[in-house]
Amino acid sequence: MSAPRLRQSTGAQYTRILAFGAARGSMAVPNDDLVGPINSSDEWIRQRTGIVTRARAPRDVLAIDLATEAAREAIEKSGVAPAEIDLVLIATISNVQQTPSMSAVVAERVGANPAAAYDVNAACAGYAYAIAQADALIRAGAGHHALVIGAEKLSDIVDPADRSISFLLGDGAGAAVIGPSEVPGIAPTVWGSDGSRADAVGMDHTLIEFRDGEAAWPTLWQDGPSVFRWAVWEMAKVARRAIEAAGITPADLSAFVPHQANMRIIDEFAKQLKLPESVVIARDIETTGNTSAASIPLAAHRLMAEHPELSGTLALQIGFGAGLVFGAQVVLLP
């Protein structure tokens, strides 16, 4: 006896980003406020990172609150009714509750309940990962509109005395609404990981060690020189592959939105990729800091606010970080 024939879903042929939203920590923290515990200076931080000040949230504001604010702006600007959003994906490493997921709570807050909702932990590549998944899920028919958010409150998981990373980090959330499109709006994603480098950046202790009194509250740390070399040399290759996968050349790009890890890395990226001078490069790190999974959507949101003429043009975005994980794709700007 043959098995009954199953139905298998299919969805829209193409997808695109419909709108961005953003929320930054309300406190501007200049370099001078952080240099004491790390025995540094404003000049040293500016020269090595390009950061002048960073956004941080007050103690009573969590990453989930920033995510909610960014989501509401993106939904309003997209013109999509909250009830029509049936996928919510949040990229984060700073949800201080392991469960429930941040995404399920945000879905309820913004009126998208009962959307399918889950969190993505891919550190600084998380937003690019979530974009890839939203695109694939909509084209597979598993959803029609997706809310993708990168949300971090890194000030909750940083040691002010850690000279390797404390001065880099900020708090914020960036959101994008993804929906069906008549033209291709999200090119194939080039993504992957290299777990052999897991000791280059990550948490210094486990929650079990903290629970048992064997270590302090787990915080982020990194081997800065190692991460810098990996980001510049290996990630430039990934960016080139993403451009090739999109079927375009660097001359077809209007914008470059890399993970806001370090201004020196961003500048070296541009050189390695030989981007035309006409390409606008996002440099949100100068006043926001490194916000891990939130950095690409935050930078894209600011880029569109400052350059509305970029609407309808192509941008290359790439995220890379702890794990070490990476993801890059070319997208059509809303």
Protein backbone atom coordinates (compact mmCIF):
# COMPACT_ATOMS: atom_id res chain seq x y z
CA MET A 1 0.00 0.00 0.00
CA SER A 2 1.47 3.36 -1.00
CA ALA A 3 1.69 6.18 1.51
CA PRO A 4 -0.74 9.11 1.16
CA ARG A 5 0.69 11.98 -0.83
CA LEU A 6 1.78 14.82 1.46
CA ARG A 7 1.47 18.51 0.91
CA GLN A 8 4.68 20.53 1.00
CA SER A 9 4.64 24.28 1.32
CA THR A 10 6.10 26.82 -1.06
CA GLY A 11 6.14 30.56 -0.66
CA ALA A 12 7.12 33.79 -2.34
CA GLN A 13 9.77 33.61 -5.03
CA TYR A 14 11.65 36.62 -3.68
CA THR A 15 11.96 38.55 -0.42
CA ARG A 16 13.32 41.92 0.68
CA ILE A 17 13.75 44.20 3.67
CA LEU A 18 10.72 46.48 3.96
CA ALA A 19 11.84 48.78 6.78
CA PHE A 20 14.32 49.27 9.63
CA GLY A 21 13.84 50.28 13.25
CA ALA A 22 16.36 51.13 15.95
CA ALA A 23 16.80 51.74 19.65
CA ARG A 24 20.06 52.79 21.30
CA GLY A 25 20.94 52.95 24.95
CA SER A 26 19.94 56.40 26.23
CA MET A 27 23.26 57.13 27.93
CA ALA A 28 26.21 58.43 25.91
CA VAL A 29 29.35 57.13 27.60
CA PRO A 30 32.55 58.90 26.45
CA ASN A 31 35.96 57.25 26.52
CA ASP A 32 37.07 59.29 29.52
CA ASP A 33 34.41 57.57 31.65
CA LEU A 34 35.97 54.15 31.01
CA VAL A 35 39.73 54.69 30.95
CA GLY A 36 40.40 54.50 34.71
CA PRO A 37 39.87 50.76 35.31
CA ILE A 38 41.84 49.82 32.18
CA ASN A 39 44.66 52.36 32.67
CA SER A 40 44.11 53.82 29.21
CA SER A 41 43.24 57.14 27.56
CA ASP A 42 40.75 58.71 25.20
CA GLU A 43 43.48 59.03 22.57
CA TRP A 44 44.44 55.33 22.84
CA ILE A 45 40.83 54.18 22.38
CA ARG A 46 40.20 56.53 19.45
CA GLN A 47 43.36 55.46 17.62
CA ARG A 48 42.74 51.73 18.02
CA THR A 49 38.97 51.57 17.61
CA GLY A 50 37.60 54.84 16.21
CA ILE A 51 35.15 55.04 19.13
CA VAL A 52 34.52 58.47 20.61
CA THR A 53 31.52 57.53 22.75
CA ARG A 54 29.18 54.57 23.02
CA ALA A 55 25.47 54.13 23.78
CA ARG A 56 24.59 52.29 26.95
CA ALA A 57 21.27 51.60 28.63
CA PRO A 58 20.33 52.32 32.24
CA ARG A 59 20.34 49.48 34.74
CA ASP A 60 16.56 48.99 34.56
CA VAL A 61 16.44 48.70 30.73
CA LEU A 62 17.07 45.21 29.34
CA ALA A 63 17.96 43.99 25.86
CA ILE A 64 14.35 42.85 25.44
CA ASP A 65 13.15 46.42 26.03
CA LEU A 66 15.49 47.76 23.36
CA ALA A 67 14.31 45.00 21.00
CA THR A 68 10.67 45.95 21.55
CA GLU A 69 11.30 49.63 20.80
CA ALA A 70 13.22 48.88 17.60
CA ALA A 71 10.59 46.37 16.49
CA ARG A 72 7.74 48.83 16.87
CA GLU A 73 9.48 51.40 14.67
CA ALA A 74 10.28 48.85 11.97
CA ILE A 75 6.71 47.53 11.92
CA GLU A 76 5.20 51.02 11.73
CA LYS A 77 7.50 52.06 8.88
CA SER A 78 6.92 48.81 6.97
CA GLY A 79 3.17 49.29 6.68
CA VAL A 80 2.68 45.64 7.65
CA ALA A 81 0.07 45.06 10.34
CA PRO A 82 1.55 43.39 13.45
CA ALA A 83 -0.97 40.54 13.12
CA GLU A 84 0.46 39.75 9.66
CA ILE A 85 3.91 39.05 11.07
CA ASP A 86 4.15 35.31 11.56
CA LEU A 87 7.88 34.94 12.17
CA VAL A 88 9.94 36.69 14.87
CA LEU A 89 13.68 36.01 15.03
CA ILE A 90 15.95 37.76 17.53
CA ALA A 91 19.72 37.51 17.40
CA THR A 92 21.26 38.06 20.83
CA ILE A 93 23.92 36.87 23.26
CA SER A 94 22.75 39.05 26.14
CA ASN A 95 19.34 37.71 27.12
CA VAL A 96 19.79 37.38 30.88
CA GLN A 97 17.03 34.76 31.01
CA GLN A 98 17.76 31.47 29.26
CA THR A 99 14.03 30.98 28.85
CA PRO A 100 11.48 32.14 27.80
CA SER A 101 12.94 33.29 24.53
CA MET A 102 13.24 37.01 24.00
CA SER A 103 11.52 36.64 20.63
CA ALA A 104 8.30 35.14 22.01
CA VAL A 105 7.92 37.95 24.53
CA VAL A 106 8.62 40.64 21.91
CA ALA A 107 6.10 39.02 19.55
CA GLU A 108 3.47 39.40 22.26
CA ARG A 109 4.50 42.97 23.05
CA VAL A 110 4.23 44.18 19.45
CA GLY A 111 0.99 42.35 18.62
CA ALA A 112 2.42 39.53 16.50
CA ASN A 113 1.30 36.71 18.81
CA PRO A 114 1.06 33.75 17.92
CA ALA A 115 3.96 34.15 15.47
CA ALA A 116 6.61 31.44 15.38
CA ALA A 117 9.41 32.92 17.47
CA TYR A 118 12.92 31.90 18.43
CA ASP A 119 16.26 33.39 19.43
CA VAL A 120 19.46 33.02 17.43
CA ASN A 121 22.82 32.87 19.18
CA ALA A 122 25.49 33.54 16.58
CA ALA A 123 27.11 36.52 18.33
CA CYS A 124 28.11 39.32 15.97
CA ALA A 125 26.98 37.32 12.93
CA GLY A 126 23.55 36.72 14.46
CA TYR A 127 21.65 39.34 12.46
CA ALA A 128 23.05 38.08 9.14
CA TYR A 129 22.14 34.54 10.20
CA ALA A 130 18.60 35.60 11.08
CA ILE A 131 18.17 37.43 7.76
CA ALA A 132 19.22 34.26 5.93
CA GLN A 133 16.69 32.21 7.90
CA ALA A 134 13.83 34.69 7.44
CA ASP A 135 14.48 34.78 3.69
CA ALA A 136 14.53 30.98 3.45
CA LEU A 137 11.45 30.49 5.65
CA ILE A 138 9.33 32.95 3.68
CA ARG A 139 10.39 31.48 0.33
CA ALA A 140 9.63 28.00 1.68
CA GLY A 141 6.13 29.07 2.68
CA ALA A 142 6.74 28.68 6.42
CA GLY A 143 5.79 32.31 6.95
CA HIS A 144 4.79 35.45 5.09
CA HIS A 145 6.34 38.34 7.00
CA ALA A 146 9.26 38.19 9.41
CA LEU A 147 10.48 40.51 12.11
CA VAL A 148 14.25 40.16 12.45
CA ILE A 149 16.00 41.86 15.36
CA GLY A 150 19.54 42.11 16.65
CA ALA A 151 19.36 43.13 20.32
CA GLU A 152 22.11 43.44 22.91
CA LYS A 153 22.74 44.97 26.30
CA LEU A 154 26.43 44.17 26.47
CA SER A 155 27.02 46.43 29.45
CA ASP A 156 25.40 43.62 31.51
CA ILE A 157 28.12 41.15 30.50
CA VAL A 158 31.30 43.20 30.44
CA ASP A 159 33.95 43.65 33.14
CA PRO A 160 34.88 47.37 33.28
CA ALA A 161 38.46 46.37 34.12
CA ASP A 162 38.89 44.06 31.10
CA ARG A 163 41.33 45.91 28.86
CA SER A 164 40.66 43.55 25.93
CA ILE A 165 37.05 44.51 25.29
CA SER A 166 35.32 46.68 27.92
CA PHE A 167 35.79 49.98 26.06
CA LEU A 168 34.37 48.58 22.82
CA LEU A 169 30.87 47.62 23.83
CA GLY A 170 27.53 49.41 23.65
CA ASP A 171 23.83 48.64 24.03
CA GLY A 172 21.11 48.77 21.38
CA ALA A 173 18.73 46.96 19.07
CA GLY A 174 18.11 47.13 15.35
CA ALA A 175 15.09 45.60 13.63
CA ALA A 176 14.02 44.79 10.08
CA VAL A 177 10.71 43.63 8.65
CA ILE A 178 11.13 41.11 5.81
CA GLY A 179 8.40 40.32 3.33
CA PRO A 180 7.62 39.04 -0.17
CA SER A 181 9.03 40.98 -3.11
CA GLU A 182 8.49 41.15 -6.85
CA VAL A 183 12.26 41.41 -7.35
CA PRO A 184 15.20 39.67 -5.63
CA GLY A 185 16.00 41.60 -2.45
CA ILE A 186 18.19 39.23 -0.41
CA ALA A 187 21.03 37.47 -2.19
CA PRO A 188 22.38 34.06 -1.15
CA THR A 189 24.11 34.12 2.23
CA VAL A 190 27.71 33.05 2.62
CA TRP A 191 28.00 31.79 6.18
CA GLY A 192 29.89 29.38 8.36
CA SER A 193 31.99 28.94 11.49
CA ASP A 194 35.46 28.03 12.69
CA GLY A 195 35.19 26.42 16.10
CA SER A 196 38.94 25.85 16.20
CA ARG A 197 39.22 29.54 17.10
CA ALA A 198 36.67 29.39 19.92
CA ASP A 199 39.27 30.49 22.46
CA ALA A 200 39.83 33.81 20.68
CA VAL A 201 36.67 35.54 21.88
CA GLY A 202 33.84 34.53 24.19
CA MET A 203 32.78 34.32 27.85
CA ASP A 204 35.47 33.96 30.48
CA HIS A 205 33.50 31.61 32.76
CA THR A 206 30.37 29.45 32.84
CA LEU A 207 27.17 30.00 34.78
CA ILE A 208 27.87 26.75 36.64
CA GLU A 209 31.21 28.11 37.85
CA PHE A 210 29.41 31.28 38.95
CA ARG A 211 26.68 29.29 40.70
CA ASP A 212 29.20 27.21 42.60
CA GLY A 213 31.21 30.23 43.71
CA GLU A 214 34.22 29.21 41.63
CA ALA A 215 34.20 32.30 39.40
CA ALA A 216 32.77 35.80 39.11
CA TRP A 217 29.79 36.71 36.91
CA PRO A 218 30.70 35.55 33.35
CA THR A 219 31.79 38.39 31.09
CA LEU A 220 33.03 38.83 27.53
CA TRP A 221 36.71 38.87 26.68
CA GLN A 222 38.82 38.56 23.53
CA ASP A 223 42.32 38.07 22.20
CA GLY A 224 42.25 41.37 20.32
CA PRO A 225 45.21 40.90 17.93
CA SER A 226 44.05 37.41 16.93
CA VAL A 227 40.48 38.55 16.28
CA PHE A 228 41.72 41.57 14.32
CA ARG A 229 43.87 39.45 11.98
CA TRP A 230 41.09 36.89 11.47
CA ALA A 231 38.50 39.58 10.76
CA VAL A 232 40.62 41.51 8.26
CA TRP A 233 42.12 38.68 6.26
CA GLU A 234 39.56 35.88 6.46
CA MET A 235 36.37 37.94 6.45
CA ALA A 236 37.42 39.93 3.39
CA LYS A 237 37.37 36.59 1.55
CA VAL A 238 33.85 35.91 2.82
CA ALA A 239 32.70 39.36 1.69
CA ARG A 240 34.09 38.75 -1.81
CA ARG A 241 32.26 35.42 -1.95
CA ALA A 242 29.00 37.12 -0.96
CA ILE A 243 29.40 39.63 -3.79
CA GLU A 244 30.04 36.79 -6.22
CA ALA A 245 27.07 34.80 -4.88
CA ALA A 246 24.85 37.82 -5.53
CA GLY A 247 25.95 37.85 -9.17
CA ILE A 248 27.23 41.42 -8.99
CA THR A 249 30.53 43.30 -8.76
CA PRO A 250 31.73 45.83 -6.15
CA ALA A 251 30.84 48.58 -8.64
CA ASP A 252 27.16 47.60 -8.31
CA LEU A 253 27.12 48.32 -4.58
CA SER A 254 25.97 51.62 -3.13
CA ALA A 255 26.66 50.82 0.52
CA PHE A 256 28.77 48.61 2.77
CA VAL A 257 27.40 47.77 6.23
CA PRO A 258 29.93 45.65 8.12
CA HIS A 259 29.68 44.55 11.73
CA GLN A 260 30.78 47.56 13.76
CA ALA A 261 33.66 45.83 15.52
CA ASN A 262 36.45 48.35 15.08
CA MET A 263 36.96 51.31 12.76
CA ARG A 264 40.38 50.03 11.73
CA ILE A 265 38.82 46.73 10.65
CA ILE A 266 36.15 48.59 8.66
CA ASP A 267 38.76 50.73 6.90
CA GLU A 268 40.94 47.73 6.09
CA PHE A 269 37.88 45.88 4.76
CA ALA A 270 37.20 48.67 2.29
CA LYS A 271 40.79 48.50 1.05
CA GLN A 272 40.78 44.72 0.74
CA LEU A 273 37.50 44.75 -1.21
CA LYS A 274 38.64 47.65 -3.41
CA LEU A 275 35.28 49.31 -3.02
CA PRO A 276 34.63 52.28 -5.33
CA GLU A 277 34.71 55.69 -3.64
CA SER A 278 31.00 56.00 -4.43
CA VAL A 279 30.17 53.23 -1.93
CA VAL A 280 28.91 54.69 1.36
CA ILE A 281 30.43 52.88 4.33
CA ALA A 282 28.53 52.61 7.61
CA ARG A 283 30.59 53.86 10.56
CA ASP A 284 28.06 53.78 13.36
CA ILE A 285 30.68 52.49 15.80
CA GLU A 286 32.03 56.01 16.40
CA THR A 287 29.10 57.00 18.62
CA THR A 288 27.30 53.70 19.30
CA GLY A 289 30.15 51.29 19.98
CA ASN A 290 30.23 47.60 19.18
CA THR A 291 26.75 46.17 19.79
CA SER A 292 27.41 42.62 18.54
CA ALA A 293 24.27 41.22 16.84
CA ALA A 294 22.63 44.66 16.84
CA SER A 295 25.44 46.47 15.06
CA ILE A 296 24.49 45.80 11.42
CA PRO A 297 20.80 46.81 11.65
CA LEU A 298 21.68 49.82 13.83
CA ALA A 299 24.29 50.94 11.29
CA ALA A 300 21.87 50.34 8.40
CA HIS A 301 19.15 52.33 10.14
CA ARG A 302 21.48 55.32 10.63
CA LEU A 303 22.80 55.00 7.08
CA MET A 304 19.29 55.23 5.63
CA ALA A 305 18.42 58.19 7.86
CA GLU A 306 21.51 60.07 6.69
CA HIS A 307 21.36 58.90 3.05
CA PRO A 308 17.71 58.35 2.03
CA GLU A 309 18.85 58.40 -1.59
CA LEU A 310 20.24 54.87 -1.03
CA SER A 311 16.71 53.45 -0.96
CA GLY A 312 16.31 50.82 -3.66
CA THR A 313 20.06 50.26 -4.07
CA LEU A 314 22.33 47.39 -3.05
CA ALA A 315 24.29 47.03 0.18
CA LEU A 316 26.77 44.39 1.28
CA GLN A 317 26.45 43.43 4.95
CA ILE A 318 28.71 41.09 6.89
CA GLY A 319 28.77 39.95 10.50
CA PHE A 320 31.57 38.07 12.24
CA GLY A 321 32.52 37.26 15.80
CA ALA A 322 32.56 34.82 18.69
CA GLY A 323 32.53 31.21 17.88
CA LEU A 324 33.98 32.13 15.43
CA VAL A 325 30.97 32.57 13.16
CA PHE A 326 30.40 34.66 10.08
CA GLY A 327 27.64 35.55 7.64
CA ALA A 328 27.39 37.92 4.68
CA GLN A 329 24.81 38.80 2.05
CA VAL A 330 23.90 41.55 -0.40
CA VAL A 331 20.52 43.15 0.25
CA LEU A 332 18.27 45.67 -1.43
CA LEU A 333 17.86 48.66 0.87
CA PRO A 334 14.26 49.67 1.72
